[in-house]
């Protein structure tokens, strides 16, 4: 019989794991977080987005663990809406530069507060949301100001697995990682 392992191979500092416990909702920016931040347009002016499947699977794992993924973004596009629909993301606000009221409306709808929220952003419009959250996160290629306020900076760049690293941190901190991993190894 093949041997399986359910102990996380990833290690996070105990203070970070403690801070990540109790997170019930995660706010994600899109450009520079869920994507690499590049803006691609066809000759007809249509926006093209590149998403990472590791990030997408991490979002699905959050949902299985009872953690709500939410998107608050300054842009709006058909590819983004399609991808979020495919991932089952039910809470998203598009086309807003003032992200705190948008995130607050999601918190209100969920009956949660900022102490139960994490936020991942890469540039200045994300800073107020990150500063209010219990856990502020940034991809390693985020702007210097975002890196300065982040409790957790991923080793992966935005659009290249950074979201998945945050998802894994939350799953480990909330005791869900090993069980989810084991279910995939059956």
N, C-alpha and C. Protein backbone atom coordinates (compact mmCIF):
# COMPACT_ATOMS: atom_id res chain seq x y z
N UNK A 1 0.84 -1.18 0.00
CA UNK A 1 0.00 0.00 0.00
C UNK A 1 0.89 1.24 0.00
N UNK A 2 0.60 2.23 -0.90
CA UNK A 2 1.43 3.44 -0.95
C UNK A 2 1.32 4.23 0.35
N UNK A 3 2.42 4.85 0.71
CA UNK A 3 2.44 5.62 1.93
C UNK A 3 2.01 7.06 1.64
N UNK A 4 1.20 7.61 2.53
CA UNK A 4 0.77 9.00 2.40
C UNK A 4 1.29 9.79 3.58
N UNK A 5 1.36 11.10 3.39
CA UNK A 5 1.73 11.96 4.50
C UNK A 5 0.70 13.08 4.60
N UNK A 6 0.32 13.40 5.81
CA UNK A 6 -0.65 14.46 6.01
C UNK A 6 -0.09 15.58 6.88
N UNK A 7 1.16 15.47 7.26
CA UNK A 7 1.80 16.54 8.01
C UNK A 7 2.26 17.60 7.02
N UNK A 8 1.89 18.85 7.26
CA UNK A 8 2.32 19.90 6.33
C UNK A 8 3.84 19.95 6.19
N UNK A 9 4.30 20.05 4.96
CA UNK A 9 5.73 20.20 4.74
C UNK A 9 6.14 21.66 4.88
N UNK A 10 5.17 22.54 4.82
CA UNK A 10 5.44 23.97 4.96
C UNK A 10 5.53 24.32 6.44
N UNK A 11 6.38 25.25 6.75
CA UNK A 11 6.55 25.71 8.13
C UNK A 11 6.33 27.22 8.17
N UNK A 12 5.57 27.63 9.16
CA UNK A 12 5.31 29.05 9.39
C UNK A 12 5.66 29.36 10.84
N UNK A 13 6.13 30.57 11.10
CA UNK A 13 6.43 30.94 12.50
C UNK A 13 5.18 30.83 13.38
N UNK A 14 5.37 30.42 14.61
CA UNK A 14 4.23 30.20 15.52
C UNK A 14 3.42 31.48 15.73
N UNK A 15 4.09 32.65 15.77
CA UNK A 15 3.37 33.91 15.95
C UNK A 15 2.44 34.17 14.77
N UNK A 16 2.90 33.82 13.57
CA UNK A 16 2.08 34.02 12.36
C UNK A 16 0.89 33.06 12.37
N UNK A 17 1.13 31.81 12.74
CA UNK A 17 0.04 30.84 12.83
C UNK A 17 -1.01 31.28 13.85
N UNK A 18 -0.54 31.83 14.96
CA UNK A 18 -1.45 32.32 15.99
C UNK A 18 -2.31 33.47 15.45
N UNK A 19 -1.67 34.37 14.74
CA UNK A 19 -2.36 35.53 14.17
C UNK A 19 -3.39 35.09 13.12
N UNK A 20 -3.11 34.00 12.43
CA UNK A 20 -3.98 33.52 11.35
C UNK A 20 -5.16 32.68 11.87
N UNK A 21 -5.12 32.29 13.12
CA UNK A 21 -6.23 31.52 13.68
C UNK A 21 -7.47 32.40 13.77
N UNK A 22 -8.59 31.84 13.48
CA UNK A 22 -9.83 32.59 13.60
C UNK A 22 -10.19 33.45 12.40
N UNK A 23 -9.37 33.42 11.37
CA UNK A 23 -9.71 34.16 10.14
C UNK A 23 -10.88 33.44 9.47
N UNK A 24 -11.94 34.17 9.18
CA UNK A 24 -13.14 33.60 8.56
C UNK A 24 -13.39 34.12 7.15
N UNK A 25 -12.73 35.21 6.78
CA UNK A 25 -12.89 35.78 5.44
C UNK A 25 -11.54 36.34 4.98
N UNK A 26 -11.26 36.18 3.70
CA UNK A 26 -10.02 36.71 3.12
C UNK A 26 -10.37 37.60 1.94
N UNK A 27 -9.90 38.84 1.98
CA UNK A 27 -10.09 39.77 0.88
C UNK A 27 -8.88 39.73 -0.03
N UNK A 28 -9.13 39.49 -1.31
CA UNK A 28 -8.06 39.45 -2.30
C UNK A 28 -8.24 40.60 -3.29
N UNK A 29 -7.16 41.28 -3.60
CA UNK A 29 -7.09 42.15 -4.75
C UNK A 29 -6.92 41.23 -5.96
N UNK A 30 -7.04 41.76 -7.16
CA UNK A 30 -6.89 40.91 -8.35
C UNK A 30 -5.55 41.18 -9.04
N UNK A 31 -5.41 42.33 -9.68
CA UNK A 31 -4.19 42.61 -10.45
C UNK A 31 -2.99 42.73 -9.52
N UNK A 32 -2.03 41.84 -9.69
CA UNK A 32 -0.85 41.80 -8.84
C UNK A 32 -0.96 40.83 -7.69
N UNK A 33 -2.15 40.25 -7.49
CA UNK A 33 -2.36 39.26 -6.43
C UNK A 33 -2.85 37.96 -7.06
N UNK A 34 -4.07 37.99 -7.61
CA UNK A 34 -4.59 36.81 -8.33
C UNK A 34 -4.02 36.70 -9.74
N UNK A 35 -3.50 37.81 -10.26
CA UNK A 35 -2.81 37.79 -11.55
C UNK A 35 -1.41 38.36 -11.35
N UNK A 36 -0.60 38.31 -12.38
CA UNK A 36 0.76 38.84 -12.28
C UNK A 36 0.83 40.36 -12.36
N UNK A 37 -0.31 40.99 -12.52
CA UNK A 37 -0.34 42.45 -12.57
C UNK A 37 -0.21 43.01 -13.97
N UNK A 38 0.14 42.18 -14.93
CA UNK A 38 0.23 42.65 -16.31
C UNK A 38 -1.15 42.88 -16.88
N UNK A 39 -1.26 43.88 -17.72
CA UNK A 39 -2.53 44.16 -18.39
C UNK A 39 -2.38 43.77 -19.85
N UNK A 40 -3.14 42.79 -20.28
CA UNK A 40 -3.06 42.28 -21.64
C UNK A 40 -4.35 42.61 -22.37
N UNK A 41 -4.22 43.18 -23.58
CA UNK A 41 -5.38 43.56 -24.36
C UNK A 41 -5.27 42.97 -25.76
N UNK A 42 -6.40 42.52 -26.29
CA UNK A 42 -6.43 42.08 -27.68
C UNK A 42 -6.48 43.31 -28.58
N UNK A 43 -6.36 43.10 -29.87
CA UNK A 43 -6.43 44.23 -30.81
C UNK A 43 -7.81 44.89 -30.80
N UNK A 44 -8.80 44.20 -30.22
CA UNK A 44 -10.15 44.75 -30.12
C UNK A 44 -10.38 45.43 -28.77
N UNK A 45 -9.33 45.53 -27.96
CA UNK A 45 -9.44 46.20 -26.68
C UNK A 45 -9.98 45.33 -25.55
N UNK A 46 -10.13 44.03 -25.80
CA UNK A 46 -10.62 43.13 -24.76
C UNK A 46 -9.49 42.79 -23.80
N UNK A 47 -9.82 42.72 -22.54
CA UNK A 47 -8.84 42.40 -21.51
C UNK A 47 -8.66 40.89 -21.43
N UNK A 48 -7.42 40.48 -21.29
CA UNK A 48 -7.08 39.07 -21.12
C UNK A 48 -6.37 38.94 -19.78
N UNK A 49 -6.77 37.97 -18.97
CA UNK A 49 -6.17 37.75 -17.66
C UNK A 49 -5.55 36.36 -17.60
N UNK A 50 -4.45 36.24 -16.86
CA UNK A 50 -3.80 34.96 -16.63
C UNK A 50 -3.91 34.65 -15.14
N UNK A 51 -4.54 33.54 -14.81
CA UNK A 51 -4.71 33.11 -13.43
C UNK A 51 -3.90 31.84 -13.20
N UNK A 52 -3.47 31.65 -11.96
CA UNK A 52 -2.68 30.48 -11.59
C UNK A 52 -3.60 29.42 -10.98
N UNK A 53 -3.48 28.18 -11.46
CA UNK A 53 -4.34 27.11 -10.96
C UNK A 53 -4.05 26.76 -9.49
N UNK A 54 -2.82 26.95 -9.04
CA UNK A 54 -2.52 26.72 -7.62
C UNK A 54 -3.35 27.67 -6.75
N UNK A 55 -3.42 28.93 -7.17
CA UNK A 55 -4.21 29.92 -6.44
C UNK A 55 -5.68 29.53 -6.44
N UNK A 56 -6.18 29.12 -7.60
CA UNK A 56 -7.58 28.72 -7.71
C UNK A 56 -7.91 27.55 -6.81
N UNK A 57 -7.03 26.57 -6.76
CA UNK A 57 -7.29 25.42 -5.89
C UNK A 57 -7.24 25.83 -4.42
N UNK A 58 -6.33 26.73 -4.09
CA UNK A 58 -6.27 27.23 -2.72
C UNK A 58 -7.57 27.90 -2.31
N UNK A 59 -8.16 28.67 -3.21
CA UNK A 59 -9.44 29.32 -2.93
C UNK A 59 -10.53 28.29 -2.70
N UNK A 60 -10.53 27.24 -3.50
CA UNK A 60 -11.52 26.17 -3.30
C UNK A 60 -11.31 25.46 -1.97
N UNK A 61 -10.06 25.28 -1.57
CA UNK A 61 -9.76 24.65 -0.28
C UNK A 61 -10.23 25.53 0.88
N UNK A 62 -10.06 26.84 0.75
CA UNK A 62 -10.57 27.74 1.78
C UNK A 62 -12.06 27.53 1.98
N UNK A 63 -12.79 27.45 0.87
CA UNK A 63 -14.23 27.27 0.94
C UNK A 63 -14.59 25.96 1.64
N UNK A 64 -13.86 24.90 1.33
CA UNK A 64 -14.10 23.61 1.99
C UNK A 64 -13.87 23.70 3.49
N UNK A 65 -12.95 24.57 3.89
CA UNK A 65 -12.61 24.73 5.30
C UNK A 65 -13.51 25.75 6.00
N UNK A 66 -14.45 26.33 5.28
CA UNK A 66 -15.37 27.29 5.88
C UNK A 66 -14.83 28.70 5.96
N UNK A 67 -13.77 28.99 5.23
CA UNK A 67 -13.21 30.35 5.16
C UNK A 67 -13.69 30.97 3.85
N UNK A 68 -14.26 32.16 3.94
CA UNK A 68 -14.87 32.80 2.78
C UNK A 68 -13.83 33.59 1.99
N UNK A 69 -13.63 33.26 0.71
CA UNK A 69 -12.79 34.10 -0.14
C UNK A 69 -13.65 35.23 -0.71
N UNK A 70 -13.13 36.43 -0.69
CA UNK A 70 -13.84 37.59 -1.24
C UNK A 70 -12.86 38.39 -2.09
N UNK A 71 -13.38 39.04 -3.11
CA UNK A 71 -12.55 39.83 -4.01
C UNK A 71 -13.03 41.27 -3.97
N UNK A 72 -12.09 42.18 -3.79
CA UNK A 72 -12.37 43.61 -3.88
C UNK A 72 -11.31 44.18 -4.82
N UNK A 73 -11.77 44.67 -5.97
CA UNK A 73 -10.84 45.06 -7.03
C UNK A 73 -11.22 46.38 -7.70
N UNK A 74 -10.21 47.06 -8.16
CA UNK A 74 -10.42 48.32 -8.87
C UNK A 74 -10.82 48.13 -10.31
N UNK A 75 -10.71 46.94 -10.82
CA UNK A 75 -11.04 46.67 -12.22
C UNK A 75 -12.24 45.74 -12.31
N UNK A 76 -12.74 45.65 -13.54
CA UNK A 76 -13.83 44.73 -13.83
C UNK A 76 -13.60 44.20 -15.24
N UNK A 77 -13.80 42.93 -15.43
CA UNK A 77 -13.66 42.35 -16.76
C UNK A 77 -14.42 41.04 -16.83
N UNK A 78 -14.81 40.68 -18.03
CA UNK A 78 -15.51 39.41 -18.23
C UNK A 78 -14.64 38.22 -17.84
N UNK A 79 -13.33 38.21 -18.19
CA UNK A 79 -12.51 37.07 -17.78
C UNK A 79 -12.43 36.92 -16.26
N UNK A 80 -12.35 38.03 -15.55
CA UNK A 80 -12.30 37.97 -14.08
C UNK A 80 -13.60 37.41 -13.53
N UNK A 81 -14.72 37.91 -14.00
CA UNK A 81 -16.02 37.42 -13.50
C UNK A 81 -16.20 35.93 -13.79
N UNK A 82 -15.75 35.50 -14.97
CA UNK A 82 -15.84 34.09 -15.33
C UNK A 82 -14.99 33.25 -14.38
N UNK A 83 -13.76 33.67 -14.13
CA UNK A 83 -12.87 32.90 -13.26
C UNK A 83 -13.44 32.82 -11.84
N UNK A 84 -13.94 33.91 -11.32
CA UNK A 84 -14.49 33.88 -9.96
C UNK A 84 -15.74 33.01 -9.90
N UNK A 85 -16.52 33.02 -10.96
CA UNK A 85 -17.70 32.14 -11.02
C UNK A 85 -17.26 30.68 -11.02
N UNK A 86 -16.22 30.36 -11.81
CA UNK A 86 -15.70 28.98 -11.86
C UNK A 86 -15.21 28.53 -10.49
N UNK A 87 -14.66 29.46 -9.72
CA UNK A 87 -14.13 29.12 -8.39
C UNK A 87 -15.21 29.13 -7.31
N UNK A 88 -16.40 29.59 -7.65
CA UNK A 88 -17.47 29.65 -6.67
C UNK A 88 -17.38 30.81 -5.70
N UNK A 89 -16.61 31.83 -6.06
CA UNK A 89 -16.48 33.01 -5.21
C UNK A 89 -17.79 33.80 -5.29
N UNK A 90 -18.45 33.93 -4.15
CA UNK A 90 -19.77 34.57 -4.12
C UNK A 90 -19.73 36.03 -3.69
N UNK A 91 -18.63 36.45 -3.11
CA UNK A 91 -18.54 37.82 -2.60
C UNK A 91 -17.44 38.56 -3.37
N UNK A 92 -17.86 39.49 -4.23
CA UNK A 92 -16.90 40.26 -5.02
C UNK A 92 -17.47 41.65 -5.29
N UNK A 93 -16.59 42.63 -5.21
CA UNK A 93 -16.94 44.00 -5.57
C UNK A 93 -15.94 44.43 -6.63
N UNK A 94 -16.45 44.86 -7.76
CA UNK A 94 -15.64 45.22 -8.92
C UNK A 94 -15.61 46.73 -9.12
N UNK A 95 -14.52 47.22 -9.70
CA UNK A 95 -14.44 48.61 -10.14
C UNK A 95 -14.45 49.63 -9.02
N UNK A 96 -13.82 49.33 -7.89
CA UNK A 96 -13.79 50.28 -6.79
C UNK A 96 -12.35 50.56 -6.35
N UNK A 97 -12.02 51.82 -6.24
CA UNK A 97 -10.71 52.21 -5.70
C UNK A 97 -10.80 52.39 -4.18
N UNK A 98 -12.00 52.68 -3.68
CA UNK A 98 -12.22 52.84 -2.24
C UNK A 98 -12.66 51.48 -1.69
N UNK A 99 -11.69 50.68 -1.30
CA UNK A 99 -11.94 49.28 -1.01
C UNK A 99 -12.51 49.01 0.38
N UNK A 100 -12.30 49.89 1.33
CA UNK A 100 -12.77 49.64 2.69
C UNK A 100 -14.30 49.56 2.76
N UNK A 101 -15.05 50.51 2.18
CA UNK A 101 -16.51 50.35 2.24
C UNK A 101 -17.00 49.08 1.54
N UNK A 102 -16.35 48.71 0.46
CA UNK A 102 -16.73 47.48 -0.24
C UNK A 102 -16.48 46.27 0.65
N UNK A 103 -15.33 46.21 1.29
CA UNK A 103 -15.02 45.10 2.19
C UNK A 103 -15.94 45.11 3.40
N UNK A 104 -16.23 46.30 3.91
CA UNK A 104 -17.12 46.41 5.07
C UNK A 104 -18.51 45.88 4.74
N UNK A 105 -18.99 46.13 3.53
CA UNK A 105 -20.31 45.62 3.14
C UNK A 105 -20.32 44.09 3.09
N UNK A 106 -19.20 43.50 2.69
CA UNK A 106 -19.09 42.03 2.68
C UNK A 106 -19.05 41.52 4.12
N UNK A 107 -18.27 42.17 4.97
CA UNK A 107 -18.23 41.78 6.38
C UNK A 107 -19.62 41.85 7.00
N UNK A 108 -20.34 42.93 6.73
CA UNK A 108 -21.69 43.09 7.27
C UNK A 108 -22.60 41.96 6.80
N UNK A 109 -22.52 41.64 5.51
CA UNK A 109 -23.37 40.57 4.95
C UNK A 109 -23.06 39.22 5.59
N UNK A 110 -21.79 39.02 5.98
CA UNK A 110 -21.37 37.75 6.58
C UNK A 110 -21.52 37.74 8.10
N UNK A 111 -21.81 38.89 8.69
CA UNK A 111 -21.89 38.98 10.15
C UNK A 111 -20.53 38.86 10.81
N UNK A 112 -19.50 39.34 10.13
CA UNK A 112 -18.13 39.26 10.65
C UNK A 112 -17.56 40.65 10.86
N UNK A 113 -16.38 40.73 11.49
CA UNK A 113 -15.71 42.02 11.63
C UNK A 113 -14.25 41.88 11.20
N UNK A 114 -13.54 43.01 11.24
CA UNK A 114 -12.17 43.05 10.74
C UNK A 114 -11.24 42.12 11.52
N UNK A 115 -11.57 41.80 12.78
CA UNK A 115 -10.74 40.89 13.57
C UNK A 115 -10.76 39.47 13.02
N UNK A 116 -11.72 39.18 12.15
CA UNK A 116 -11.85 37.85 11.55
C UNK A 116 -11.44 37.86 10.08
N UNK A 117 -10.80 38.96 9.65
CA UNK A 117 -10.47 39.13 8.24
C UNK A 117 -8.97 39.15 7.98
N UNK A 118 -8.62 38.61 6.83
CA UNK A 118 -7.27 38.77 6.28
C UNK A 118 -7.43 39.51 4.95
N UNK A 119 -6.39 40.22 4.55
CA UNK A 119 -6.43 40.93 3.27
C UNK A 119 -5.08 40.80 2.59
N UNK A 120 -5.12 40.55 1.28
CA UNK A 120 -3.90 40.45 0.50
C UNK A 120 -3.94 41.48 -0.61
N UNK A 121 -2.94 42.35 -0.61
CA UNK A 121 -2.87 43.38 -1.63
C UNK A 121 -1.44 43.69 -2.02
N UNK A 122 -1.30 44.35 -3.16
CA UNK A 122 0.04 44.61 -3.68
C UNK A 122 0.35 46.07 -3.92
N UNK A 123 -0.65 46.97 -3.76
CA UNK A 123 -0.38 48.36 -4.07
C UNK A 123 -1.22 49.27 -3.17
N UNK A 124 -1.00 50.56 -3.27
CA UNK A 124 -1.58 51.53 -2.35
C UNK A 124 -3.08 51.42 -2.15
N UNK A 125 -3.89 51.19 -3.19
CA UNK A 125 -5.33 51.10 -2.94
C UNK A 125 -5.72 49.99 -1.95
N UNK A 126 -4.84 49.01 -1.76
CA UNK A 126 -5.11 47.90 -0.85
C UNK A 126 -4.70 48.19 0.60
N UNK A 127 -3.91 49.23 0.81
CA UNK A 127 -3.37 49.49 2.14
C UNK A 127 -4.44 49.67 3.22
N UNK A 128 -5.48 50.48 3.02
CA UNK A 128 -6.46 50.64 4.10
C UNK A 128 -7.14 49.32 4.49
N UNK A 129 -7.40 48.47 3.52
CA UNK A 129 -8.02 47.17 3.80
C UNK A 129 -7.03 46.29 4.57
N UNK A 130 -5.79 46.30 4.16
CA UNK A 130 -4.76 45.51 4.84
C UNK A 130 -4.56 45.99 6.28
N UNK A 131 -4.55 47.31 6.49
CA UNK A 131 -4.29 47.86 7.82
C UNK A 131 -5.42 47.57 8.80
N UNK A 132 -6.64 47.39 8.32
CA UNK A 132 -7.77 47.10 9.20
C UNK A 132 -7.89 45.62 9.53
N UNK A 133 -7.33 44.78 8.70
CA UNK A 133 -7.49 43.33 8.85
C UNK A 133 -6.62 42.78 9.98
N UNK A 134 -7.06 41.67 10.53
CA UNK A 134 -6.29 40.99 11.57
C UNK A 134 -4.99 40.41 11.01
N UNK A 135 -5.00 40.10 9.71
CA UNK A 135 -3.82 39.53 9.06
C UNK A 135 -3.63 40.21 7.71
N UNK A 136 -2.58 41.01 7.59
CA UNK A 136 -2.26 41.70 6.34
C UNK A 136 -1.22 40.89 5.58
N UNK A 137 -1.46 40.69 4.29
CA UNK A 137 -0.58 39.84 3.48
C UNK A 137 -0.25 40.54 2.17
N UNK A 138 0.91 40.19 1.63
CA UNK A 138 1.34 40.76 0.35
C UNK A 138 2.21 39.76 -0.39
N UNK A 139 2.09 39.74 -1.73
CA UNK A 139 3.03 38.95 -2.52
C UNK A 139 4.42 39.60 -2.42
N UNK A 140 5.45 38.82 -2.63
CA UNK A 140 6.82 39.33 -2.47
C UNK A 140 7.15 40.46 -3.44
N UNK A 141 6.41 40.57 -4.55
CA UNK A 141 6.68 41.63 -5.51
C UNK A 141 5.72 42.82 -5.37
N UNK A 142 5.11 42.94 -4.20
CA UNK A 142 4.21 44.06 -3.92
C UNK A 142 5.02 45.35 -3.76
N UNK A 143 4.31 46.46 -3.77
CA UNK A 143 4.94 47.76 -3.54
C UNK A 143 5.54 47.80 -2.13
N UNK A 144 6.58 48.57 -1.96
CA UNK A 144 7.30 48.65 -0.68
C UNK A 144 6.38 49.02 0.48
N UNK A 145 5.41 49.90 0.27
CA UNK A 145 4.51 50.29 1.37
C UNK A 145 3.64 49.12 1.82
N UNK A 146 3.21 48.30 0.88
CA UNK A 146 2.42 47.12 1.22
C UNK A 146 3.27 46.09 1.95
N UNK A 147 4.50 45.92 1.49
CA UNK A 147 5.40 44.99 2.16
C UNK A 147 5.66 45.43 3.60
N UNK A 148 5.72 46.75 3.81
CA UNK A 148 6.00 47.28 5.15
C UNK A 148 4.88 47.01 6.14
N UNK A 149 3.63 46.95 5.69
CA UNK A 149 2.52 46.72 6.63
C UNK A 149 2.11 45.25 6.70
N UNK A 150 2.65 44.42 5.83
CA UNK A 150 2.24 43.01 5.77
C UNK A 150 2.78 42.22 6.96
N UNK A 151 1.89 41.43 7.55
CA UNK A 151 2.28 40.47 8.57
C UNK A 151 2.91 39.24 7.93
N UNK A 152 2.48 38.96 6.69
CA UNK A 152 2.96 37.79 5.94
C UNK A 152 3.25 38.21 4.52
N UNK A 153 4.49 38.02 4.10
CA UNK A 153 4.91 38.26 2.72
C UNK A 153 5.23 36.90 2.11
N UNK A 154 4.56 36.58 1.03
CA UNK A 154 4.78 35.28 0.40
C UNK A 154 6.14 35.22 -0.29
N UNK A 155 6.62 34.03 -0.52
CA UNK A 155 7.85 33.88 -1.30
C UNK A 155 7.53 33.83 -2.80
N UNK A 156 6.26 33.60 -3.13
CA UNK A 156 5.81 33.59 -4.53
C UNK A 156 5.30 34.97 -4.92
N UNK A 157 5.45 35.28 -6.19
CA UNK A 157 4.97 36.55 -6.70
C UNK A 157 3.47 36.47 -6.96
N UNK A 158 2.84 37.64 -7.05
CA UNK A 158 1.43 37.71 -7.38
C UNK A 158 1.17 37.03 -8.71
N UNK A 159 0.09 36.23 -8.76
CA UNK A 159 -0.25 35.50 -9.98
C UNK A 159 0.58 34.25 -10.21
N UNK A 160 1.49 33.96 -9.26
CA UNK A 160 2.38 32.80 -9.39
C UNK A 160 2.39 31.96 -8.12
N UNK A 161 1.24 31.85 -7.46
CA UNK A 161 1.14 31.00 -6.29
C UNK A 161 1.13 31.74 -4.96
N UNK A 162 1.16 33.07 -4.96
CA UNK A 162 1.14 33.82 -3.71
C UNK A 162 -0.15 33.58 -2.94
N UNK A 163 -1.27 33.58 -3.65
CA UNK A 163 -2.56 33.34 -3.00
C UNK A 163 -2.58 31.96 -2.36
N UNK A 164 -2.05 30.97 -3.04
CA UNK A 164 -2.03 29.61 -2.50
C UNK A 164 -1.23 29.55 -1.20
N UNK A 165 -0.11 30.28 -1.14
CA UNK A 165 0.68 30.28 0.09
C UNK A 165 -0.12 30.84 1.26
N UNK A 166 -0.88 31.89 1.02
CA UNK A 166 -1.74 32.43 2.07
C UNK A 166 -2.82 31.42 2.44
N UNK A 167 -3.42 30.79 1.45
CA UNK A 167 -4.45 29.78 1.73
C UNK A 167 -3.89 28.66 2.59
N UNK A 168 -2.71 28.18 2.25
CA UNK A 168 -2.08 27.11 3.02
C UNK A 168 -1.82 27.55 4.46
N UNK A 169 -1.32 28.77 4.64
CA UNK A 169 -1.10 29.30 5.98
C UNK A 169 -2.39 29.27 6.79
N UNK A 170 -3.48 29.75 6.20
CA UNK A 170 -4.76 29.78 6.91
C UNK A 170 -5.27 28.39 7.23
N UNK A 171 -5.11 27.47 6.29
CA UNK A 171 -5.57 26.10 6.51
C UNK A 171 -4.77 25.41 7.62
N UNK A 172 -3.47 25.65 7.65
CA UNK A 172 -2.64 25.07 8.71
C UNK A 172 -3.00 25.70 10.06
N UNK A 173 -3.12 27.03 10.08
CA UNK A 173 -3.41 27.74 11.33
C UNK A 173 -4.75 27.33 11.92
N UNK A 174 -5.70 27.00 11.06
CA UNK A 174 -7.04 26.65 11.52
C UNK A 174 -7.25 25.14 11.62
N UNK A 175 -6.17 24.38 11.51
CA UNK A 175 -6.24 22.94 11.72
C UNK A 175 -6.95 22.15 10.63
N UNK A 176 -7.06 22.72 9.44
CA UNK A 176 -7.80 22.08 8.35
C UNK A 176 -6.89 21.42 7.30
N UNK A 177 -5.65 21.82 7.24
CA UNK A 177 -4.75 21.41 6.16
C UNK A 177 -4.58 19.89 6.08
N UNK A 178 -4.23 19.26 7.18
CA UNK A 178 -3.93 17.82 7.17
C UNK A 178 -5.14 17.00 6.71
N UNK A 179 -6.31 17.34 7.19
CA UNK A 179 -7.52 16.61 6.80
C UNK A 179 -7.84 16.77 5.32
N UNK A 180 -7.68 17.98 4.82
CA UNK A 180 -7.93 18.20 3.38
C UNK A 180 -6.91 17.46 2.53
N UNK A 181 -5.65 17.50 2.96
CA UNK A 181 -4.60 16.78 2.22
C UNK A 181 -4.87 15.28 2.22
N UNK A 182 -5.24 14.76 3.36
CA UNK A 182 -5.52 13.33 3.47
C UNK A 182 -6.66 12.92 2.54
N UNK A 183 -7.69 13.75 2.44
CA UNK A 183 -8.83 13.44 1.57
C UNK A 183 -8.39 13.32 0.11
N UNK A 184 -7.40 14.08 -0.30
CA UNK A 184 -6.91 14.01 -1.68
C UNK A 184 -6.01 12.80 -1.91
N UNK A 185 -5.50 12.23 -0.84
CA UNK A 185 -4.59 11.10 -0.99
C UNK A 185 -5.28 9.76 -0.89
N UNK A 186 -6.57 9.76 -0.69
CA UNK A 186 -7.32 8.50 -0.62
C UNK A 186 -7.54 7.94 -1.99
